């Protein structure tokens, strides 16, 4: 199972992040995750919304450059070293993780890990074989 993430490429200047978050917020779109990677001049805002399809349309109409990326989402127990164990599986299989972020929902004993990898099909198969719970957007 894969999780769709929206990625927005934009200039790194005052007001741009507000424009993005306000465009979605005033339309009732809620974020599940949000990550920002930046350089001096540009940034990539990566996120999963409660309604990705609608968020995509809103941002396109607002003039943003928006892309959709599929990530592998897994759920692990919220305890020390759980992330390292998943990363170790990828390393042992020589599957490069391009980027990763994680989060914990309140009142849960599990952590969610979202990652973009070089070989998605092989990684999904490996994680499934190892009994790692895979996520879909519906469970987020």
Protein backbone atom coordinates (compact mmCIF):
# COMPACT_ATOMS: atom_id res chain seq x y z
CA UNK A 1 0.00 0.00 0.00
CA UNK A 2 1.21 3.48 -0.78
CA UNK A 3 0.38 6.89 0.60
CA UNK A 4 0.02 9.90 -1.68
CA UNK A 5 1.88 13.02 -0.67
CA UNK A 6 1.56 16.47 -2.21
CA UNK A 7 4.75 18.41 -2.93
CA UNK A 8 4.73 22.12 -3.59
CA UNK A 9 7.78 23.85 -5.05
CA UNK A 10 7.90 27.52 -4.14
CA UNK A 11 10.13 30.50 -3.56
CA UNK A 12 11.59 30.82 -0.09
CA UNK A 13 10.29 34.29 0.77
CA UNK A 14 7.96 35.83 3.33
CA UNK A 15 4.27 35.17 2.81
CA UNK A 16 4.51 32.14 0.53
CA UNK A 17 3.92 29.55 3.25
CA UNK A 18 1.04 31.63 4.59
CA UNK A 19 -0.51 31.76 1.11
CA UNK A 20 -0.32 27.97 0.84
CA UNK A 21 -1.64 27.17 4.32
CA UNK A 22 -4.35 29.83 4.13
CA UNK A 23 -5.54 28.68 0.70
CA UNK A 24 -6.12 25.22 2.13
CA UNK A 25 -7.31 26.26 5.60
CA UNK A 26 -10.02 28.59 4.39
CA UNK A 27 -11.39 25.69 2.33
CA UNK A 28 -11.45 23.41 5.37
CA UNK A 29 -8.46 21.28 4.38
CA UNK A 30 -6.58 19.86 7.37
CA UNK A 31 -2.97 18.64 7.34
CA UNK A 32 -2.07 15.16 8.54
CA UNK A 33 1.67 15.75 8.00
CA UNK A 34 3.79 18.69 6.91
CA UNK A 35 7.49 18.86 6.10
CA UNK A 36 9.50 21.72 4.62
CA UNK A 37 12.90 21.33 2.99
CA UNK A 38 14.51 24.53 1.87
CA UNK A 39 17.47 26.16 0.27
CA UNK A 40 18.26 29.85 0.31
CA UNK A 41 15.96 30.65 -2.62
CA UNK A 42 13.46 27.79 -2.94
CA UNK A 43 11.72 25.22 -0.82
CA UNK A 44 9.65 22.09 -1.15
CA UNK A 45 6.64 21.78 1.12
CA UNK A 46 5.62 18.15 1.40
CA UNK A 47 2.39 17.17 3.09
CA UNK A 48 -0.52 14.82 3.34
CA UNK A 49 -3.93 16.39 3.77
CA UNK A 50 -7.18 14.88 4.94
CA UNK A 51 -8.39 15.36 1.34
CA UNK A 52 -5.37 15.26 -0.98
CA UNK A 53 -7.38 15.45 -4.21
CA UNK A 54 -9.20 18.58 -3.15
CA UNK A 55 -6.00 20.12 -1.74
CA UNK A 56 -4.28 19.50 -5.08
CA UNK A 57 -7.05 21.28 -7.00
CA UNK A 58 -7.15 24.23 -4.59
CA UNK A 59 -3.40 24.78 -4.83
CA UNK A 60 -3.33 24.43 -8.62
CA UNK A 61 -6.10 27.05 -8.86
CA UNK A 62 -4.11 29.31 -6.52
CA UNK A 63 -1.14 29.13 -8.91
CA UNK A 64 1.13 26.77 -7.00
CA UNK A 65 3.35 24.17 -8.66
CA UNK A 66 2.04 20.95 -7.12
CA UNK A 67 3.12 17.35 -7.62
CA UNK A 68 1.94 14.03 -6.25
CA UNK A 69 4.42 11.49 -4.90
CA UNK A 70 3.74 8.01 -3.60
CA UNK A 71 5.39 7.09 -0.32
CA UNK A 72 5.61 3.90 1.63
CA UNK A 73 3.87 4.29 4.97
CA UNK A 74 4.47 1.90 7.83
CA UNK A 75 3.26 1.71 11.40
CA UNK A 76 5.53 0.58 14.21
CA UNK A 77 5.32 0.54 17.98
CA UNK A 78 6.17 3.94 19.47
CA UNK A 79 9.34 2.89 21.26
CA UNK A 80 13.09 3.50 21.01
CA UNK A 81 14.81 1.83 18.05
CA UNK A 82 11.62 1.05 16.09
CA UNK A 83 12.65 3.49 13.36
CA UNK A 84 16.17 2.06 13.27
CA UNK A 85 14.77 -1.45 12.74
CA UNK A 86 12.83 -0.34 9.65
CA UNK A 87 15.82 1.58 8.31
CA UNK A 88 18.01 -1.48 8.92
CA UNK A 89 15.71 -3.61 6.74
CA UNK A 90 16.12 -1.13 3.89
CA UNK A 91 19.89 -1.00 4.38
CA UNK A 92 20.29 -4.77 4.44
CA UNK A 93 18.30 -5.02 1.19
CA UNK A 94 20.40 -2.18 -0.31
CA UNK A 95 17.31 -0.02 -0.84
CA UNK A 96 18.16 3.67 -0.63
CA UNK A 97 15.82 5.92 1.35
CA UNK A 98 15.62 9.24 -0.47
CA UNK A 99 13.83 10.95 2.41
CA UNK A 100 11.74 10.01 5.40
CA UNK A 101 9.67 11.62 8.11
CA UNK A 102 7.61 10.24 10.94
CA UNK A 103 4.88 11.29 13.32
CA UNK A 104 2.89 10.03 16.28
CA UNK A 105 -0.83 10.60 16.67
CA UNK A 106 -1.99 11.42 20.18
CA UNK A 107 -3.66 8.62 22.13
CA UNK A 108 -1.92 5.94 20.05
CA UNK A 109 0.96 3.67 20.94
CA UNK A 110 2.29 3.57 17.42
CA UNK A 111 4.39 5.80 15.20
CA UNK A 112 3.89 6.32 11.49
CA UNK A 113 6.91 6.40 9.19
CA UNK A 114 6.64 7.77 5.66
CA UNK A 115 9.49 7.24 3.24
CA UNK A 116 10.37 7.67 -0.38
CA UNK A 117 12.71 4.97 -1.61
CA UNK A 118 14.48 4.06 -4.84
CA UNK A 119 12.72 0.74 -5.39
CA UNK A 120 9.18 1.01 -4.04
CA UNK A 121 7.94 -2.39 -5.19
CA UNK A 122 10.87 -4.25 -3.68
CA UNK A 123 10.63 -2.26 -0.43
CA UNK A 124 6.88 -2.93 -0.08
CA UNK A 125 7.46 -6.64 -0.65
CA UNK A 126 10.29 -6.73 1.90
CA UNK A 127 8.32 -4.88 4.57
CA UNK A 128 5.28 -7.10 4.02
CA UNK A 129 7.39 -10.25 4.29
CA UNK A 130 8.88 -8.97 7.56
CA UNK A 131 5.41 -8.37 9.01
CA UNK A 132 5.66 -4.58 9.08
CA UNK A 133 2.21 -2.99 8.94
CA UNK A 134 1.82 -0.93 5.78
CA UNK A 135 -0.38 2.16 5.77
CA UNK A 136 -2.71 3.71 3.27
CA UNK A 137 -4.14 7.23 3.24
CA UNK A 138 -7.34 5.88 4.74
CA UNK A 139 -5.57 4.91 7.98
CA UNK A 140 -3.82 8.22 8.41
